């Protein structure tokens, strides 16, 4: 079976957890922040899990992400 190429854009945006789930950061926190109140900006910070519907698609784009956890950890 041939090697799979990692989607470089996805590799920069998503990380796999130790249990195999996929994390992402929230959107709407890059610019025009003065018109957003503190509560909204604080709720947009941090990471969340990718929805179950999108997880298989994202995992196909980052096939070797979990192997780096073994090498580095």
N, C-alpha and C. Protein backbone atom coordinates (compact mmCIF):
# COMPACT_ATOMS: atom_id res chain seq x y z
N UNK A 1 0.85 -1.18 0.00
CA UNK A 1 0.00 0.00 0.00
C UNK A 1 0.89 1.25 0.00
N UNK A 2 0.58 2.24 -0.82
CA UNK A 2 1.45 3.42 -0.90
C UNK A 2 1.33 4.29 0.34
N UNK A 3 2.36 5.12 0.51
CA UNK A 3 2.33 6.08 1.61
C UNK A 3 1.24 7.12 1.35
N UNK A 4 0.70 7.68 2.42
CA UNK A 4 -0.33 8.71 2.30
C UNK A 4 0.30 10.06 2.59
N UNK A 5 -0.08 11.06 1.82
CA UNK A 5 0.43 12.40 2.07
C UNK A 5 -0.44 13.09 3.10
N UNK A 6 0.22 13.78 4.02
CA UNK A 6 -0.49 14.57 5.02
C UNK A 6 -0.92 15.88 4.40
N UNK A 7 -2.16 16.27 4.65
CA UNK A 7 -2.66 17.57 4.20
C UNK A 7 -2.04 18.63 5.12
N UNK A 8 -1.13 19.44 4.57
CA UNK A 8 -0.34 20.34 5.41
C UNK A 8 -1.20 21.40 6.10
N UNK A 9 -2.26 21.85 5.43
CA UNK A 9 -3.16 22.82 6.07
C UNK A 9 -3.87 22.20 7.27
N UNK A 10 -4.29 20.96 7.13
CA UNK A 10 -4.96 20.27 8.24
C UNK A 10 -3.99 19.98 9.37
N UNK A 11 -2.74 19.67 9.05
CA UNK A 11 -1.75 19.36 10.08
C UNK A 11 -1.48 20.58 10.96
N UNK A 12 -1.62 21.77 10.40
CA UNK A 12 -1.40 22.98 11.18
C UNK A 12 -2.62 23.35 12.02
N UNK A 13 -3.79 22.84 11.64
CA UNK A 13 -5.04 23.24 12.31
C UNK A 13 -5.56 22.23 13.32
N UNK A 14 -5.21 20.96 13.16
CA UNK A 14 -5.77 19.91 14.01
C UNK A 14 -4.67 19.13 14.69
N UNK A 15 -4.97 18.64 15.90
CA UNK A 15 -4.05 17.76 16.63
C UNK A 15 -4.86 16.59 17.17
N UNK A 16 -4.24 15.41 17.18
CA UNK A 16 -4.91 14.24 17.75
C UNK A 16 -4.58 14.15 19.23
N UNK A 17 -5.56 13.70 20.02
CA UNK A 17 -5.33 13.47 21.43
C UNK A 17 -4.76 12.07 21.61
N UNK A 18 -4.39 11.74 22.83
CA UNK A 18 -3.82 10.42 23.10
C UNK A 18 -4.84 9.31 22.88
N UNK A 19 -6.14 9.64 23.02
CA UNK A 19 -7.18 8.63 22.82
C UNK A 19 -7.64 8.55 21.37
N UNK A 20 -7.08 9.40 20.49
CA UNK A 20 -7.41 9.33 19.07
C UNK A 20 -8.46 10.32 18.61
N UNK A 21 -8.97 11.15 19.53
CA UNK A 21 -9.92 12.18 19.12
C UNK A 21 -9.15 13.34 18.49
N UNK A 22 -9.85 14.25 17.84
CA UNK A 22 -9.19 15.35 17.13
C UNK A 22 -9.59 16.67 17.75
N UNK A 23 -8.58 17.50 18.07
CA UNK A 23 -8.82 18.82 18.65
C UNK A 23 -8.69 19.89 17.59
N UNK A 24 -9.41 21.00 17.79
CA UNK A 24 -9.29 22.17 16.93
C UNK A 24 -9.45 23.41 17.79
N UNK A 25 -8.99 24.54 17.28
CA UNK A 25 -9.21 25.80 17.98
C UNK A 25 -10.45 26.47 17.41
N UNK A 26 -11.02 27.39 18.17
CA UNK A 26 -12.25 28.05 17.75
C UNK A 26 -11.96 29.20 16.80
N UNK A 27 -12.94 29.55 16.01
CA UNK A 27 -12.79 30.62 15.02
C UNK A 27 -13.23 31.97 15.60
N UNK A 28 -13.16 33.01 14.80
CA UNK A 28 -13.63 34.37 15.11
C UNK A 28 -12.80 35.07 16.18
N UNK A 29 -11.52 34.79 16.25
CA UNK A 29 -10.69 35.43 17.27
C UNK A 29 -9.41 36.00 16.67
N UNK A 30 -9.44 36.36 15.39
CA UNK A 30 -8.23 36.84 14.71
C UNK A 30 -8.18 38.36 14.56
N UNK A 31 -9.29 38.98 14.24
CA UNK A 31 -9.28 40.43 14.03
C UNK A 31 -10.66 40.99 14.35
N UNK A 32 -10.77 42.31 14.34
CA UNK A 32 -11.98 43.05 14.74
C UNK A 32 -12.39 42.62 16.16
N UNK A 33 -11.43 42.63 17.06
CA UNK A 33 -11.69 42.16 18.42
C UNK A 33 -12.24 43.25 19.32
N UNK A 34 -12.11 44.52 18.90
CA UNK A 34 -12.58 45.60 19.77
C UNK A 34 -14.10 45.64 19.85
N UNK A 35 -14.79 45.12 18.83
CA UNK A 35 -16.25 45.13 18.86
C UNK A 35 -16.83 43.89 19.54
N UNK A 36 -15.98 42.99 20.00
CA UNK A 36 -16.44 41.78 20.70
C UNK A 36 -16.17 41.95 22.19
N UNK A 37 -17.15 41.64 23.02
CA UNK A 37 -16.96 41.83 24.45
C UNK A 37 -16.08 40.73 25.06
N UNK A 38 -15.64 40.95 26.30
CA UNK A 38 -14.70 40.04 26.97
C UNK A 38 -15.25 38.63 27.08
N UNK A 39 -16.52 38.54 27.43
CA UNK A 39 -17.12 37.22 27.62
C UNK A 39 -17.08 36.41 26.33
N UNK A 40 -17.42 37.06 25.22
CA UNK A 40 -17.42 36.36 23.93
C UNK A 40 -16.01 35.92 23.56
N UNK A 41 -15.02 36.80 23.77
CA UNK A 41 -13.65 36.45 23.42
C UNK A 41 -13.10 35.35 24.32
N UNK A 42 -13.47 35.35 25.59
CA UNK A 42 -12.96 34.31 26.49
C UNK A 42 -13.61 32.97 26.18
N UNK A 43 -14.86 32.97 25.77
CA UNK A 43 -15.51 31.72 25.39
C UNK A 43 -14.95 31.17 24.07
N UNK A 44 -14.41 32.05 23.23
CA UNK A 44 -13.83 31.60 21.96
C UNK A 44 -12.40 31.09 22.12
N UNK A 45 -11.79 31.32 23.27
CA UNK A 45 -10.42 30.85 23.47
C UNK A 45 -10.42 29.36 23.79
N UNK A 46 -9.27 28.75 23.69
CA UNK A 46 -9.15 27.33 24.01
C UNK A 46 -9.44 26.43 22.82
N UNK A 47 -9.45 25.14 23.10
CA UNK A 47 -9.67 24.16 22.05
C UNK A 47 -10.90 23.33 22.36
N UNK A 48 -11.48 22.77 21.31
CA UNK A 48 -12.64 21.88 21.43
C UNK A 48 -12.39 20.67 20.53
N UNK A 49 -13.20 19.65 20.69
CA UNK A 49 -13.09 18.47 19.85
C UNK A 49 -13.84 18.68 18.54
N UNK A 50 -13.32 18.11 17.48
CA UNK A 50 -13.99 18.14 16.18
C UNK A 50 -15.25 17.30 16.29
N UNK A 51 -16.31 17.70 15.61
CA UNK A 51 -17.57 16.96 15.69
C UNK A 51 -17.39 15.54 15.15
N UNK A 52 -18.24 14.65 15.62
CA UNK A 52 -18.14 13.25 15.21
C UNK A 52 -18.36 13.07 13.71
N UNK A 53 -19.17 13.95 13.11
CA UNK A 53 -19.43 13.85 11.68
C UNK A 53 -18.19 14.20 10.86
N UNK A 54 -17.37 15.13 11.34
CA UNK A 54 -16.20 15.58 10.60
C UNK A 54 -14.92 14.82 10.96
N UNK A 55 -14.93 14.08 12.05
CA UNK A 55 -13.72 13.40 12.52
C UNK A 55 -13.11 12.44 11.50
N UNK A 56 -13.88 11.57 10.83
CA UNK A 56 -13.24 10.66 9.86
C UNK A 56 -12.55 11.40 8.71
N UNK A 57 -13.14 12.48 8.27
CA UNK A 57 -12.55 13.25 7.18
C UNK A 57 -11.23 13.89 7.61
N UNK A 58 -11.20 14.43 8.82
CA UNK A 58 -9.99 15.07 9.33
C UNK A 58 -8.91 14.02 9.58
N UNK A 59 -9.28 12.86 10.10
CA UNK A 59 -8.30 11.80 10.36
C UNK A 59 -7.65 11.30 9.07
N UNK A 60 -8.41 11.31 7.97
CA UNK A 60 -7.82 10.92 6.69
C UNK A 60 -6.80 11.94 6.21
N UNK A 61 -7.00 13.21 6.59
CA UNK A 61 -6.07 14.26 6.15
C UNK A 61 -4.79 14.27 6.98
N UNK A 62 -4.84 13.74 8.21
CA UNK A 62 -3.63 13.69 9.05
C UNK A 62 -3.38 12.25 9.49
N UNK A 63 -2.98 11.38 8.56
CA UNK A 63 -2.88 9.95 8.86
C UNK A 63 -1.76 9.58 9.83
N UNK A 64 -0.68 10.36 9.89
CA UNK A 64 0.47 9.98 10.70
C UNK A 64 0.62 10.81 11.96
N UNK A 65 -0.37 11.61 12.29
CA UNK A 65 -0.29 12.50 13.45
C UNK A 65 -0.08 11.72 14.74
N UNK A 66 -0.75 10.58 14.90
CA UNK A 66 -0.65 9.82 16.14
C UNK A 66 0.71 9.15 16.30
N UNK A 67 1.44 8.92 15.23
CA UNK A 67 2.76 8.30 15.34
C UNK A 67 3.76 9.26 15.97
N UNK A 68 3.58 10.56 15.78
CA UNK A 68 4.50 11.52 16.39
C UNK A 68 4.35 11.52 17.90
N UNK A 69 3.17 11.21 18.41
CA UNK A 69 2.98 11.14 19.86
C UNK A 69 3.85 10.05 20.46
N UNK A 70 3.99 8.94 19.75
CA UNK A 70 4.80 7.83 20.25
C UNK A 70 6.27 8.19 20.22
N UNK A 71 6.72 8.83 19.16
CA UNK A 71 8.15 9.16 19.00
C UNK A 71 8.58 10.23 20.00
N UNK A 72 7.78 11.30 20.12
CA UNK A 72 8.15 12.42 21.00
C UNK A 72 7.92 12.05 22.45
N UNK A 73 6.76 11.44 22.75
CA UNK A 73 6.38 11.14 24.13
C UNK A 73 7.26 10.10 24.71
